[in-house]
């Protein structure tokens, strides 16, 4: 694919070190196994971005992978299926990314974390955030075990359990705040790490595969969901992006990461109809990679298929 260039509780297994780390967040912090969430070591400045923040929704088929670049740091949210791992690594190289300051695996479905092992093996990662899971929900897949092994073999990487309220300083006044998951769920989609990124007056909301139950929990908790750009939950499935949730977010634009001709029927007509009042909808199956950049005031969108427009 042509690439845009800019200048637990976890069961014991072969990756015992990481498995021991990811138990309940409070217990982890008390035991000293994890670093306090919200503090990141300063990352090296690679290829500077214009403005405050550039968010690239990578085209990884029926999966999610999002690169955030500030003037000081590089952040990756998800890495698609395992077969897209090298694609993500190559994309990072094309954007001049030599190390990652923060990586978030929103949840343990392979279309979000399948390529993570390849990323961790290829680049230094300072901090890796994932949801702590009860034993009954810990995956037993080879893909998951490969990720744990990659993390175990990267002693320089601090592994943290997602902690709602944790704030990460991304440099230049840009911050990332963990909003969810707020409670324990019995569905991996609902365990998705939800976060908002604020850059000046502009904001982004990333939702993984969060569905209506977790959306409602965030609404009832009074979470600050208002955002200019929404990464649509669960690839546009009808079980996400409820009317109340969208009203709270009130995005100026939405991005759906979805594969061409996927067998799930994503995005659904119901979801597209609910999103329609909230500005343009960008889709990686139609637009290719989608890049949203901000200087803290304006928002510009450029897509791989040649679309370019100013939203604000």
C-alpha atoms as a PDB file:
ATOM      1  CA  UNK A   1       0.000   0.000   0.000  1.00  0.00           C
ATOM      2  CA  UNK A   2       1.185   3.488  -0.806  1.00  0.00           C
ATOM      3  CA  UNK A   3       2.078   5.310   2.380  1.00  0.00           C
ATOM      4  CA  UNK A   4       1.863   8.980   3.174  1.00  0.00           C
ATOM      5  CA  UNK A   5       5.200  10.270   4.390  1.00  0.00           C
ATOM      6  CA  UNK A   6       5.513  13.165   6.857  1.00  0.00           C
ATOM      7  CA  UNK A   7       9.299  15.159   6.564  1.00  0.00           C
ATOM      8  CA  UNK A   8      -4.801  -9.601  35.946  1.00  0.00           C
ATOM      9  CA  UNK A   9      -5.027 -11.130  36.679  1.00  0.00           C
ATOM     10  CA  UNK A  10      -3.462 -13.389  34.139  1.00  0.00           C
ATOM     11  CA  UNK A  11      -2.877 -17.124  34.020  1.00  0.00           C
ATOM     12  CA  UNK A  12       0.642 -18.454  34.334  1.00  0.00           C
ATOM     13  CA  UNK A  13       2.326 -19.629  31.178  1.00  0.00           C
ATOM     14  CA  UNK A  14       5.555 -19.294  29.242  1.00  0.00           C
ATOM     15  CA  UNK A  15       5.606 -15.557  29.765  1.00  0.00           C
ATOM     16  CA  UNK A  16       5.490 -15.784  33.538  1.00  0.00           C
ATOM     17  CA  UNK A  17       7.128 -12.429  34.185  1.00  0.00           C
ATOM     18  CA  UNK A  18       4.442 -10.493  32.341  1.00  0.00           C
ATOM     19  CA  UNK A  19       1.689 -12.726  33.644  1.00  0.00           C
ATOM     20  CA  UNK A  20       2.781 -11.917  37.176  1.00  0.00           C
ATOM     21  CA  UNK A  21       2.623  -8.205  36.450  1.00  0.00           C
ATOM     22  CA  UNK A  22      -0.897  -7.887  35.139  1.00  0.00           C
ATOM     23  CA  UNK A  23      -3.116  -8.607  38.082  1.00  0.00           C
ATOM     24  CA  UNK A  24      -5.617  -6.152  39.497  1.00  0.00           C
ATOM     25  CA  UNK A  25      -4.317  -2.604  39.079  1.00  0.00           C
ATOM     26  CA  UNK A  26      -4.461  -1.661  42.743  1.00  0.00           C
ATOM     27  CA  UNK A  27      -2.635  -4.774  43.843  1.00  0.00           C
ATOM     28  CA  UNK A  28       0.000  -4.257  41.218  1.00  0.00           C
ATOM     29  CA  UNK A  29       0.741  -0.722  42.275  1.00  0.00           C
ATOM     30  CA  UNK A  30       0.858  -1.707  45.933  1.00  0.00           C
ATOM     31  CA  UNK A  31       3.243  -4.542  45.194  1.00  0.00           C
ATOM     32  CA  UNK A  32       5.545  -2.279  43.213  1.00  0.00           C
ATOM     33  CA  UNK A  33       5.489  -4.532  40.146  1.00  0.00           C
ATOM     34  CA  UNK A  34       4.175  -1.756  37.940  1.00  0.00           C
ATOM     35  CA  UNK A  35       5.188   1.835  37.566  1.00  0.00           C
ATOM     36  CA  UNK A  36       2.719   4.489  38.607  1.00  0.00           C
ATOM     37  CA  UNK A  37       0.453   5.152  35.581  1.00  0.00           C
ATOM     38  CA  UNK A  38       0.714   8.534  34.005  1.00  0.00           C
ATOM     39  CA  UNK A  39       4.465   9.084  34.060  1.00  0.00           C
ATOM     40  CA  UNK A  40       6.409   8.499  30.883  1.00  0.00           C
ATOM     41  CA  UNK A  41      10.125   8.845  30.250  1.00  0.00           C
ATOM     42  CA  UNK A  42      10.949  11.482  27.676  1.00  0.00           C
ATOM     43  CA  UNK A  43      11.090   9.992  24.199  1.00  0.00           C
ATOM     44  CA  UNK A  44      13.575  10.923  21.524  1.00  0.00           C
ATOM     45  CA  UNK A  45      12.368  13.419  19.001  1.00  0.00           C
ATOM     46  CA  UNK A  46      12.481  11.699  15.637  1.00  0.00           C
ATOM     47  CA  UNK A  47      10.854  13.319  12.651  1.00  0.00           C
ATOM     48  CA  UNK A  48       9.097  16.429  14.018  1.00  0.00           C
ATOM     49  CA  UNK A  49       5.459  16.977  13.122  1.00  0.00           C
ATOM     50  CA  UNK A  50       3.899  20.260  12.171  1.00  0.00           C
ATOM     51  CA  UNK A  51       1.532  21.597  14.779  1.00  0.00           C
ATOM     52  CA  UNK A  52       0.836  19.823  18.062  1.00  0.00           C
ATOM     53  CA  UNK A  53      -0.480  16.427  17.045  1.00  0.00           C
ATOM     54  CA  UNK A  54      -0.818  14.180  14.021  1.00  0.00           C
ATOM     55  CA  UNK A  55      -3.065  11.117  14.233  1.00  0.00           C
ATOM     56  CA  UNK A  56      -2.789   8.478  11.502  1.00  0.00           C
ATOM     57  CA  UNK A  57      -5.434   5.782  11.267  1.00  0.00           C
ATOM     58  CA  UNK A  58      -3.420   3.085   9.498  1.00  0.00           C
ATOM     59  CA  UNK A  59      -5.086   0.808   6.961  1.00  0.00           C
ATOM     60  CA  UNK A  60      -4.815  -2.665   8.450  1.00  0.00           C
ATOM     61  CA  UNK A  61      -7.903  -4.253   6.939  1.00  0.00           C
ATOM     62  CA  UNK A  62     -10.515  -5.484   9.418  1.00  0.00           C
ATOM     63  CA  UNK A  63      -8.605  -4.246  12.440  1.00  0.00           C
ATOM     64  CA  UNK A  64      -7.374  -1.169  14.276  1.00  0.00           C
ATOM     65  CA  UNK A  65      -3.992   0.524  14.360  1.00  0.00           C
ATOM     66  CA  UNK A  66      -3.496   4.197  15.115  1.00  0.00           C
ATOM     67  CA  UNK A  67      -0.262   6.177  15.253  1.00  0.00           C
ATOM     68  CA  UNK A  68      -0.140   9.411  17.239  1.00  0.00           C
ATOM     69  CA  UNK A  69       2.844  11.711  16.818  1.00  0.00           C
ATOM     70  CA  UNK A  70       3.595  14.842  18.803  1.00  0.00           C
ATOM     71  CA  UNK A  71       6.699  16.985  18.586  1.00  0.00           C
ATOM     72  CA  UNK A  72       8.275  14.859  21.301  1.00  0.00           C
ATOM     73  CA  UNK A  73       6.677  11.428  21.388  1.00  0.00           C
ATOM     74  CA  UNK A  74       5.268   8.560  19.362  1.00  0.00           C
ATOM     75  CA  UNK A  75       2.241   6.572  20.527  1.00  0.00           C
ATOM     76  CA  UNK A  76       0.646   3.473  19.004  1.00  0.00           C
ATOM     77  CA  UNK A  77      -2.872   2.243  19.747  1.00  0.00           C
ATOM     78  CA  UNK A  78      -3.375  -1.333  18.515  1.00  0.00           C
ATOM     79  CA  UNK A  79      -1.600  -3.119  15.657  1.00  0.00           C
ATOM     80  CA  UNK A  80      -4.170  -5.070  13.626  1.00  0.00           C
ATOM     81  CA  UNK A  81      -4.152  -8.822  12.956  1.00  0.00           C
ATOM     82  CA  UNK A  82      -0.928 -10.794  13.150  1.00  0.00           C
ATOM     83  CA  UNK A  83      -0.504 -10.720   9.377  1.00  0.00           C
ATOM     84  CA  UNK A  84      -0.417  -6.902   9.531  1.00  0.00           C
ATOM     85  CA  UNK A  85       2.376  -6.772  12.094  1.00  0.00           C
ATOM     86  CA  UNK A  86       5.091  -6.155   9.520  1.00  0.00           C
ATOM     87  CA  UNK A  87       2.841  -3.657   7.709  1.00  0.00           C
ATOM     88  CA  UNK A  88       2.571  -1.631  10.896  1.00  0.00           C
ATOM     89  CA  UNK A  89       6.326  -1.856  11.485  1.00  0.00           C
ATOM     90  CA  UNK A  90       6.957  -0.679   7.914  1.00  0.00           C
ATOM     91  CA  UNK A  91       4.458   2.166   8.296  1.00  0.00           C
ATOM     92  CA  UNK A  92       6.175   3.309  11.464  1.00  0.00           C
ATOM     93  CA  UNK A  93       9.499   3.343   9.634  1.00  0.00           C
ATOM     94  CA  UNK A  94       7.991   5.376   6.802  1.00  0.00           C
ATOM     95  CA  UNK A  95       6.856   7.983   9.338  1.00  0.00           C
ATOM     96  CA  UNK A  96      10.341   8.141  10.816  1.00  0.00           C
ATOM     97  CA  UNK A  97       9.382   6.416  14.058  1.00  0.00           C
ATOM     98  CA  UNK A  98      12.379   4.752  15.681  1.00  0.00           C
ATOM     99  CA  UNK A  99      10.913   4.131  19.115  1.00  0.00           C
ATOM    100  CA  UNK A 100       7.519   4.229  20.805  1.00  0.00           C
ATOM    101  CA  UNK A 101       6.988   6.109  24.025  1.00  0.00           C
ATOM    102  CA  UNK A 102       3.576   4.602  24.705  1.00  0.00           C
ATOM    103  CA  UNK A 103       1.747   1.606  23.254  1.00  0.00           C
ATOM    104  CA  UNK A 104      -1.854   0.732  24.118  1.00  0.00           C
ATOM    105  CA  UNK A 105      -3.405  -2.625  23.312  1.00  0.00           C
ATOM    106  CA  UNK A 106      -7.070  -1.773  23.697  1.00  0.00           C
ATOM    107  CA  UNK A 107      -8.147  -5.375  24.234  1.00  0.00           C
ATOM    108  CA  UNK A 108      -7.085  -8.925  23.561  1.00  0.00           C
ATOM    109  CA  UNK A 109      -8.851  -9.676  20.288  1.00  0.00           C
ATOM    110  CA  UNK A 110      -6.423 -10.511  17.499  1.00  0.00           C
ATOM    111  CA  UNK A 111      -7.652  -7.795  15.126  1.00  0.00           C
ATOM    112  CA  UNK A 112      -6.330  -5.255  17.630  1.00  0.00           C
ATOM    113  CA  UNK A 113      -3.326  -6.920  19.268  1.00  0.00           C
ATOM    114  CA  UNK A 114      -2.292  -9.546  16.710  1.00  0.00           C
ATOM    115  CA  UNK A 115       0.503  -7.423  15.256  1.00  0.00           C
ATOM    116  CA  UNK A 116       1.771  -6.178  18.610  1.00  0.00           C
ATOM    117  CA  UNK A 117       4.442  -8.835  19.070  1.00  0.00           C
ATOM    118  CA  UNK A 118       6.065  -7.787  15.789  1.00  0.00           C
ATOM    119  CA  UNK A 119       6.009  -4.143  16.893  1.00  0.00           C
ATOM    120  CA  UNK A 120       7.514  -4.857  20.320  1.00  0.00           C
ATOM    121  CA  UNK A 121      10.194  -7.023  18.726  1.00  0.00           C
ATOM    122  CA  UNK A 122      11.079  -4.377  16.124  1.00  0.00           C
ATOM    123  CA  UNK A 123      11.114  -1.140  18.133  1.00  0.00           C
ATOM    124  CA  UNK A 124      11.998  -0.051  21.651  1.00  0.00           C
ATOM    125  CA  UNK A 125       8.817   0.571  23.656  1.00  0.00           C
ATOM    126  CA  UNK A 126       8.947   2.611  26.856  1.00  0.00           C
ATOM    127  CA  UNK A 127       5.472   1.923  28.268  1.00  0.00           C
ATOM    128  CA  UNK A 128       2.905  -0.721  27.293  1.00  0.00           C
ATOM    129  CA  UNK A 129      -0.669  -0.397  28.591  1.00  0.00           C
ATOM    130  CA  UNK A 130      -3.282  -3.151  28.532  1.00  0.00           C
ATOM    131  CA  UNK A 131      -6.351  -4.142  30.544  1.00  0.00           C
ATOM    132  CA  UNK A 132      -5.867  -6.451  33.521  1.00  0.00           C
ATOM    133  CA  UNK A 133      -8.093  -9.496  33.033  1.00  0.00           C
ATOM    134  CA  UNK A 134      -9.479 -12.116  35.405  1.00  0.00           C
ATOM    135  CA  UNK A 135      -8.183 -15.639  34.863  1.00  0.00           C
ATOM    136  CA  UNK A 136     -11.423 -16.711  33.212  1.00  0.00           C
ATOM    137  CA  UNK A 137     -10.983 -14.178  30.397  1.00  0.00           C
ATOM    138  CA  UNK A 138      -7.285 -14.513  29.655  1.00  0.00           C
ATOM    139  CA  UNK A 139      -6.856 -15.710  26.044  1.00  0.00           C
ATOM    140  CA  UNK A 140      -5.098 -19.000  25.392  1.00  0.00           C
ATOM    141  CA  UNK A 141      -4.185 -18.212  21.784  1.00  0.00           C
ATOM    142  CA  UNK A 142      -0.711 -18.431  20.305  1.00  0.00           C
ATOM    143  CA  UNK A 143      -1.001 -14.781  19.231  1.00  0.00           C
ATOM    144  CA  UNK A 144      -1.544 -13.703  22.822  1.00  0.00           C
ATOM    145  CA  UNK A 145       1.305 -15.875  24.097  1.00  0.00           C
ATOM    146  CA  UNK A 146       3.574 -14.361  21.440  1.00  0.00           C
ATOM    147  CA  UNK A 147       2.764 -10.883  22.734  1.00  0.00           C
ATOM    148  CA  UNK A 148       3.553 -11.871  26.310  1.00  0.00           C
ATOM    149  CA  UNK A 149       6.820 -13.438  25.205  1.00  0.00           C
ATOM    150  CA  UNK A 150       7.781 -10.307  23.260  1.00  0.00           C
ATOM    151  CA  UNK A 151       7.099  -8.168  26.324  1.00  0.00           C
ATOM    152  CA  UNK A 152       9.030 -10.535  28.591  1.00  0.00           C
ATOM    153  CA  UNK A 153      11.995 -10.265  26.236  1.00  0.00           C
ATOM    154  CA  UNK A 154      11.815  -6.445  26.303  1.00  0.00           C
ATOM    155  CA  UNK A 155      12.974  -5.652  29.866  1.00  0.00           C
ATOM    156  CA  UNK A 156      13.167  -1.944  29.020  1.00  0.00           C
ATOM    157  CA  UNK A 157       9.377  -1.859  28.564  1.00  0.00           C
ATOM    158  CA  UNK A 158       7.256  -0.934  31.584  1.00  0.00           C
ATOM    159  CA  UNK A 159       3.979  -2.868  31.465  1.00  0.00           C
ATOM    160  CA  UNK A 160       1.037  -1.098  33.083  1.00  0.00           C
ATOM    161  CA  UNK A 161      -2.565  -2.036  33.721  1.00  0.00           C
ATOM    162  CA  UNK A 162      -5.000   0.504  32.259  1.00  0.00           C
ATOM    163  CA  UNK A 163      -6.108   2.766  35.111  1.00  0.00           C
ATOM    164  CA  UNK A 164      -9.052   5.121  34.555  1.00  0.00           C
ATOM    165  CA  UNK A 165      -7.966   8.638  35.404  1.00  0.00           C
ATOM    166  CA  UNK A 166      -4.311   8.077  34.536  1.00  0.00           C
ATOM    167  CA  UNK A 167      -2.931  10.961  32.469  1.00  0.00           C
ATOM    168  CA  UNK A 168       0.085  10.639  30.188  1.00  0.00           C
ATOM    169  CA  UNK A 169       2.022  13.731  29.137  1.00  0.00           C
ATOM    170  CA  UNK A 170       2.766  13.377  25.427  1.00  0.00           C
ATOM    171  CA  UNK A 171       4.774  16.581  25.221  1.00  0.00           C
ATOM    172  CA  UNK A 172       3.982  20.050  23.952  1.00  0.00           C
ATOM    173  CA  UNK A 173       0.916  20.293  26.149  1.00  0.00           C
ATOM    174  CA  UNK A 174      -0.722  17.210  24.584  1.00  0.00           C
ATOM    175  CA  UNK A 175      -2.162  14.739  27.079  1.00  0.00           C
ATOM    176  CA  UNK A 176      -3.721  11.288  26.932  1.00  0.00           C
ATOM    177  CA  UNK A 177      -6.249  10.346  29.615  1.00  0.00           C
ATOM    178  CA  UNK A 178      -7.462   6.807  30.275  1.00  0.00           C
ATOM    179  CA  UNK A 179     -11.264   6.801  30.679  1.00  0.00           C
ATOM    180  CA  UNK A 180     -12.106   3.109  30.759  1.00  0.00           C
ATOM    181  CA  UNK A 181     -12.828   0.321  31.232  1.00  0.00           C
ATOM    182  CA  UNK A 182     -14.500   1.401  34.469  1.00  0.00           C
ATOM    183  CA  UNK A 183     -15.412  -2.042  35.777  1.00  0.00           C
ATOM    184  CA  UNK A 184     -15.017  -5.763  35.169  1.00  0.00           C
ATOM    185  CA  UNK A 185     -16.852  -7.160  32.162  1.00  0.00           C
ATOM    186  CA  UNK A 186     -17.438 -10.641  30.807  1.00  0.00           C
ATOM    187  CA  UNK A 187     -16.878  -9.651  27.159  1.00  0.00           C
ATOM    188  CA  UNK A 188     -13.453  -8.724  25.795  1.00  0.00           C
ATOM    189  CA  UNK A 189     -14.918  -5.959  23.621  1.00  0.00           C
ATOM    190  CA  UNK A 190     -16.207  -4.261  26.754  1.00  0.00           C
ATOM    191  CA  UNK A 191     -12.752  -4.407  28.348  1.00  0.00           C
ATOM    192  CA  UNK A 192     -11.403  -2.063  25.648  1.00  0.00           C
ATOM    193  CA  UNK A 193      -9.107   0.688  26.880  1.00  0.00           C
ATOM    194  CA  UNK A 194     -10.896   3.961  26.136  1.00  0.00           C
ATOM    195  CA  UNK A 195      -8.840   7.138  26.044  1.00  0.00           C
ATOM    196  CA  UNK A 196      -9.107  10.756  25.019  1.00  0.00           C
ATOM    197  CA  UNK A 197      -6.269  12.897  23.719  1.00  0.00           C
ATOM    198  CA  UNK A 198      -6.304  16.661  24.175  1.00  0.00           C
ATOM    199  CA  UNK A 199      -4.166  18.976  22.060  1.00  0.00           C
ATOM    200  CA  UNK A 200      -4.924  22.623  22.674  1.00  0.00           C
ATOM    201  CA  UNK A 201      -8.613  23.205  21.974  1.00  0.00           C
ATOM    202  CA  UNK A 202      -8.941  19.989  19.943  1.00  0.00           C
ATOM    203  CA  UNK A 203      -9.607  16.485  21.207  1.00  0.00           C
ATOM    204  CA  UNK A 204      -9.789  12.877  20.024  1.00  0.00           C
ATOM    205  CA  UNK A 205     -11.641   9.901  21.523  1.00  0.00           C
ATOM    206  CA  UNK A 206     -10.388   6.339  20.958  1.00  0.00           C
ATOM    207  CA  UNK A 207     -12.787   3.546  21.870  1.00  0.00           C
ATOM    208  CA  UNK A 208     -11.384   0.193  20.739  1.00  0.00           C
ATOM    209  CA  UNK A 209     -14.329  -2.197  20.393  1.00  0.00           C
ATOM    210  CA  UNK A 210     -16.345  -0.700  23.242  1.00  0.00           C
ATOM    211  CA  UNK A 211     -20.065  -1.509  23.020  1.00  0.00           C
ATOM    212  CA  UNK A 212     -23.229  -0.008  24.447  1.00  0.00           C
ATOM    213  CA  UNK A 213     -22.889  -1.355  28.006  1.00  0.00           C
ATOM    214  CA  UNK A 214     -19.472   0.224  28.503  1.00  0.00           C
ATOM    215  CA  UNK A 215     -20.643   3.383  26.728  1.00  0.00           C
ATOM    216  CA  UNK A 216     -23.504   3.661  29.199  1.00  0.00           C
ATOM    217  CA  UNK A 217     -21.171   3.138  32.147  1.00  0.00           C
ATOM    218  CA  UNK A 218     -18.993   6.031  30.981  1.00  0.00           C
ATOM    219  CA  UNK A 219     -22.055   8.236  30.531  1.00  0.00           C
ATOM    220  CA  UNK A 220     -23.361   7.437  34.004  1.00  0.00           C
ATOM    221  CA  UNK A 221     -19.920   8.086  35.499  1.00  0.00           C
ATOM    222  CA  UNK A 222     -19.861  11.567  33.957  1.00  0.00           C
ATOM    223  CA  UNK A 223     -16.736  10.917  31.905  1.00  0.00           C
ATOM    224  CA  UNK A 224     -15.579  13.778  29.709  1.00  0.00           C
ATOM    225  CA  UNK A 225     -16.455  12.299  26.310  1.00  0.00           C
ATOM    226  CA  UNK A 226     -16.768  15.474  24.244  1.00  0.00           C
ATOM    227  CA  UNK A 227     -14.326  15.208  21.331  1.00  0.00           C
ATOM    228  CA  UNK A 228     -13.759  16.648  17.885  1.00  0.00           C
ATOM    229  CA  UNK A 229     -12.715  13.345  16.304  1.00  0.00           C
ATOM    230  CA  UNK A 230     -14.185   9.956  17.231  1.00  0.00           C
ATOM    231  CA  UNK A 231     -12.601   6.615  16.458  1.00  0.00           C
ATOM    232  CA  UNK A 232     -15.846   4.707  15.995  1.00  0.00           C
ATOM    233  CA  UNK A 233     -16.207   1.698  18.264  1.00  0.00           C
ATOM    234  CA  UNK A 234     -16.081  -1.900  16.993  1.00  0.00           C
ATOM    235  CA  UNK A 235     -15.551  -1.040  13.316  1.00  0.00           C
ATOM    236  CA  UNK A 236     -19.021   0.492  13.033  1.00  0.00           C
ATOM    237  CA  UNK A 237     -20.967  -2.428  14.510  1.00  0.00           C
ATOM    238  CA  UNK A 238     -24.585  -1.744  15.443  1.00  0.00           C
ATOM    239  CA  UNK A 239     -23.816  -2.675  19.064  1.00  0.00           C
ATOM    240  CA  UNK A 240     -21.660   0.448  19.480  1.00  0.00           C
ATOM    241  CA  UNK A 241     -22.104   4.193  18.962  1.00  0.00           C
ATOM    242  CA  UNK A 242     -25.499   4.567  20.613  1.00  0.00           C
ATOM    243  CA  UNK A 243     -27.437   7.789  20.184  1.00  0.00           C
ATOM    244  CA  UNK A 244     -26.818   8.917  23.778  1.00  0.00           C
ATOM    245  CA  UNK A 245     -23.114   8.208  23.494  1.00  0.00           C
ATOM    246  CA  UNK A 246     -22.768  10.112  20.227  1.00  0.00           C
ATOM    247  CA  UNK A 247     -24.698  13.036  21.654  1.00  0.00           C
ATOM    248  CA  UNK A 248     -22.197  13.217  24.514  1.00  0.00           C
ATOM    249  CA  UNK A 249     -19.199  12.999  22.185  1.00  0.00           C
ATOM    250  CA  UNK A 250     -20.685  15.297  19.509  1.00  0.00           C
ATOM    251  CA  UNK A 251     -17.778  14.764  17.105  1.00  0.00           C
ATOM    252  CA  UNK A 252     -17.007  17.013  14.155  1.00  0.00           C
ATOM    253  CA  UNK A 253     -15.756  13.947  12.255  1.00  0.00           C
ATOM    254  CA  UNK A 254     -15.596  10.181  12.732  1.00  0.00           C
ATOM    255  CA  UNK A 255     -13.159   7.533  11.541  1.00  0.00           C
ATOM    256  CA  UNK A 256     -14.059   3.864  11.069  1.00  0.00           C
ATOM    257  CA  UNK A 257     -11.243   1.329  10.784  1.00  0.00           C
ATOM    258  CA  UNK A 258     -12.730  -1.492   8.739  1.00  0.00           C
ATOM    259  CA  UNK A 259     -11.799  -4.022   6.064  1.00  0.00           C
ATOM    260  CA  UNK A 260     -13.113  -4.037   2.500  1.00  0.00           C
ATOM    261  CA  UNK A 261     -15.954  -6.511   2.006  1.00  0.00           C
ATOM    262  CA  UNK A 262     -15.665  -7.881   5.521  1.00  0.00           C
ATOM    263  CA  UNK A 263     -17.977 -10.733   6.498  1.00  0.00           C
ATOM    264  CA  UNK A 264     -19.401  -8.874   9.506  1.00  0.00           C
ATOM    265  CA  UNK A 265     -21.219  -6.245   7.476  1.00  0.00           C
ATOM    266  CA  UNK A 266     -19.246  -3.459   9.174  1.00  0.00           C
ATOM    267  CA  UNK A 267     -20.016  -0.651   9.272  1.00  0.00           C
ATOM    268  CA  UNK A 268     -23.737  -1.250   9.611  1.00  0.00           C
ATOM    269  CA  UNK A 269     -26.361   0.988   8.114  1.00  0.00           C
ATOM    270  CA  UNK A 270     -27.746   1.743  11.579  1.00  0.00           C
ATOM    271  CA  UNK A 271     -24.416   3.034  12.808  1.00  0.00           C
ATOM    272  CA  UNK A 272     -23.786   5.114   9.699  1.00  0.00           C
ATOM    273  CA  UNK A 273     -27.232   6.659  10.094  1.00  0.00           C
ATOM    274  CA  UNK A 274     -26.531   7.567  13.714  1.00  0.00           C
ATOM    275  CA  UNK A 275     -23.154   9.070  12.763  1.00  0.00           C
ATOM    276  CA  UNK A 276     -24.458  11.070   9.802  1.00  0.00           C
ATOM    277  CA  UNK A 277     -25.464  14.216  11.765  1.00  0.00           C
ATOM    278  CA  UNK A 278     -21.960  14.502  13.228  1.00  0.00           C
ATOM    279  CA  UNK A 279     -19.911  15.570  10.242  1.00  0.00           C
ATOM    280  CA  UNK A 280     -17.885  13.600   7.708  1.00  0.00           C
ATOM    281  CA  UNK A 281     -17.258   9.881   8.184  1.00  0.00           C
ATOM    282  CA  UNK A 282     -13.905   8.522   7.030  1.00  0.00           C
ATOM    283  CA  UNK A 283     -13.373   4.805   6.452  1.00  0.00           C
ATOM    284  CA  UNK A 284     -10.121   2.972   5.884  1.00  0.00           C
ATOM    285  CA  UNK A 285     -11.847   0.530   3.506  1.00  0.00           C
ATOM    286  CA  UNK A 286     -12.786   3.452   1.241  1.00  0.00           C
ATOM    287  CA  UNK A 287     -10.217   6.137   2.065  1.00  0.00           C
ATOM    288  CA  UNK A 288      -7.129   4.129   2.949  1.00  0.00           C
ATOM    289  CA  UNK A 289      -5.019   5.605   5.737  1.00  0.00           C
ATOM    290  CA  UNK A 290      -6.594   8.696   7.295  1.00  0.00           C
ATOM    291  CA  UNK A 291      -4.406  11.447   8.770  1.00  0.00           C
ATOM    292  CA  UNK A 292      -5.865  14.078  11.090  1.00  0.00           C
ATOM    293  CA  UNK A 293      -3.551  16.884  12.160  1.00  0.00           C
ATOM    294  CA  UNK A 294      -4.057  19.793  14.522  1.00  0.00           C
ATOM    295  CA  UNK A 295      -2.163  22.832  15.703  1.00  0.00           C
ATOM    296  CA  UNK A 296      -4.450  22.998  18.702  1.00  0.00           C
ATOM    297  CA  UNK A 297      -7.026  25.119  16.896  1.00  0.00           C
ATOM    298  CA  UNK A 298      -7.557  23.864  13.346  1.00  0.00           C
ATOM    299  CA  UNK A 299      -8.187  20.288  12.200  1.00  0.00           C
ATOM    300  CA  UNK A 300      -7.089  19.065   8.785  1.00  0.00           C
ATOM    301  CA  UNK A 301      -7.776  15.657   7.262  1.00  0.00           C
ATOM    302  CA  UNK A 302      -5.805  13.993   4.483  1.00  0.00           C
ATOM    303  CA  UNK A 303      -6.568  10.503   3.206  1.00  0.00           C
ATOM    304  CA  UNK A 304      -4.545   8.018   1.222  1.00  0.00           C
ATOM    305  CA  UNK A 305      -6.975   8.252  -1.688  1.00  0.00           C
ATOM    306  CA  UNK A 306      -6.249  11.969  -2.089  1.00  0.00           C
ATOM    307  CA  UNK A 307      -8.960  13.696  -0.059  1.00  0.00           C
ATOM    308  CA  UNK A 308      -7.800  16.768   1.817  1.00  0.00           C
ATOM    309  CA  UNK A 309     -10.007  19.133   3.795  1.00  0.00           C
ATOM    310  CA  UNK A 310     -10.024  21.500   6.727  1.00  0.00           C
ATOM    311  CA  UNK A 311     -12.614  20.614   9.356  1.00  0.00           C
ATOM    312  CA  UNK A 312     -12.017  23.577  11.646  1.00  0.00           C
END
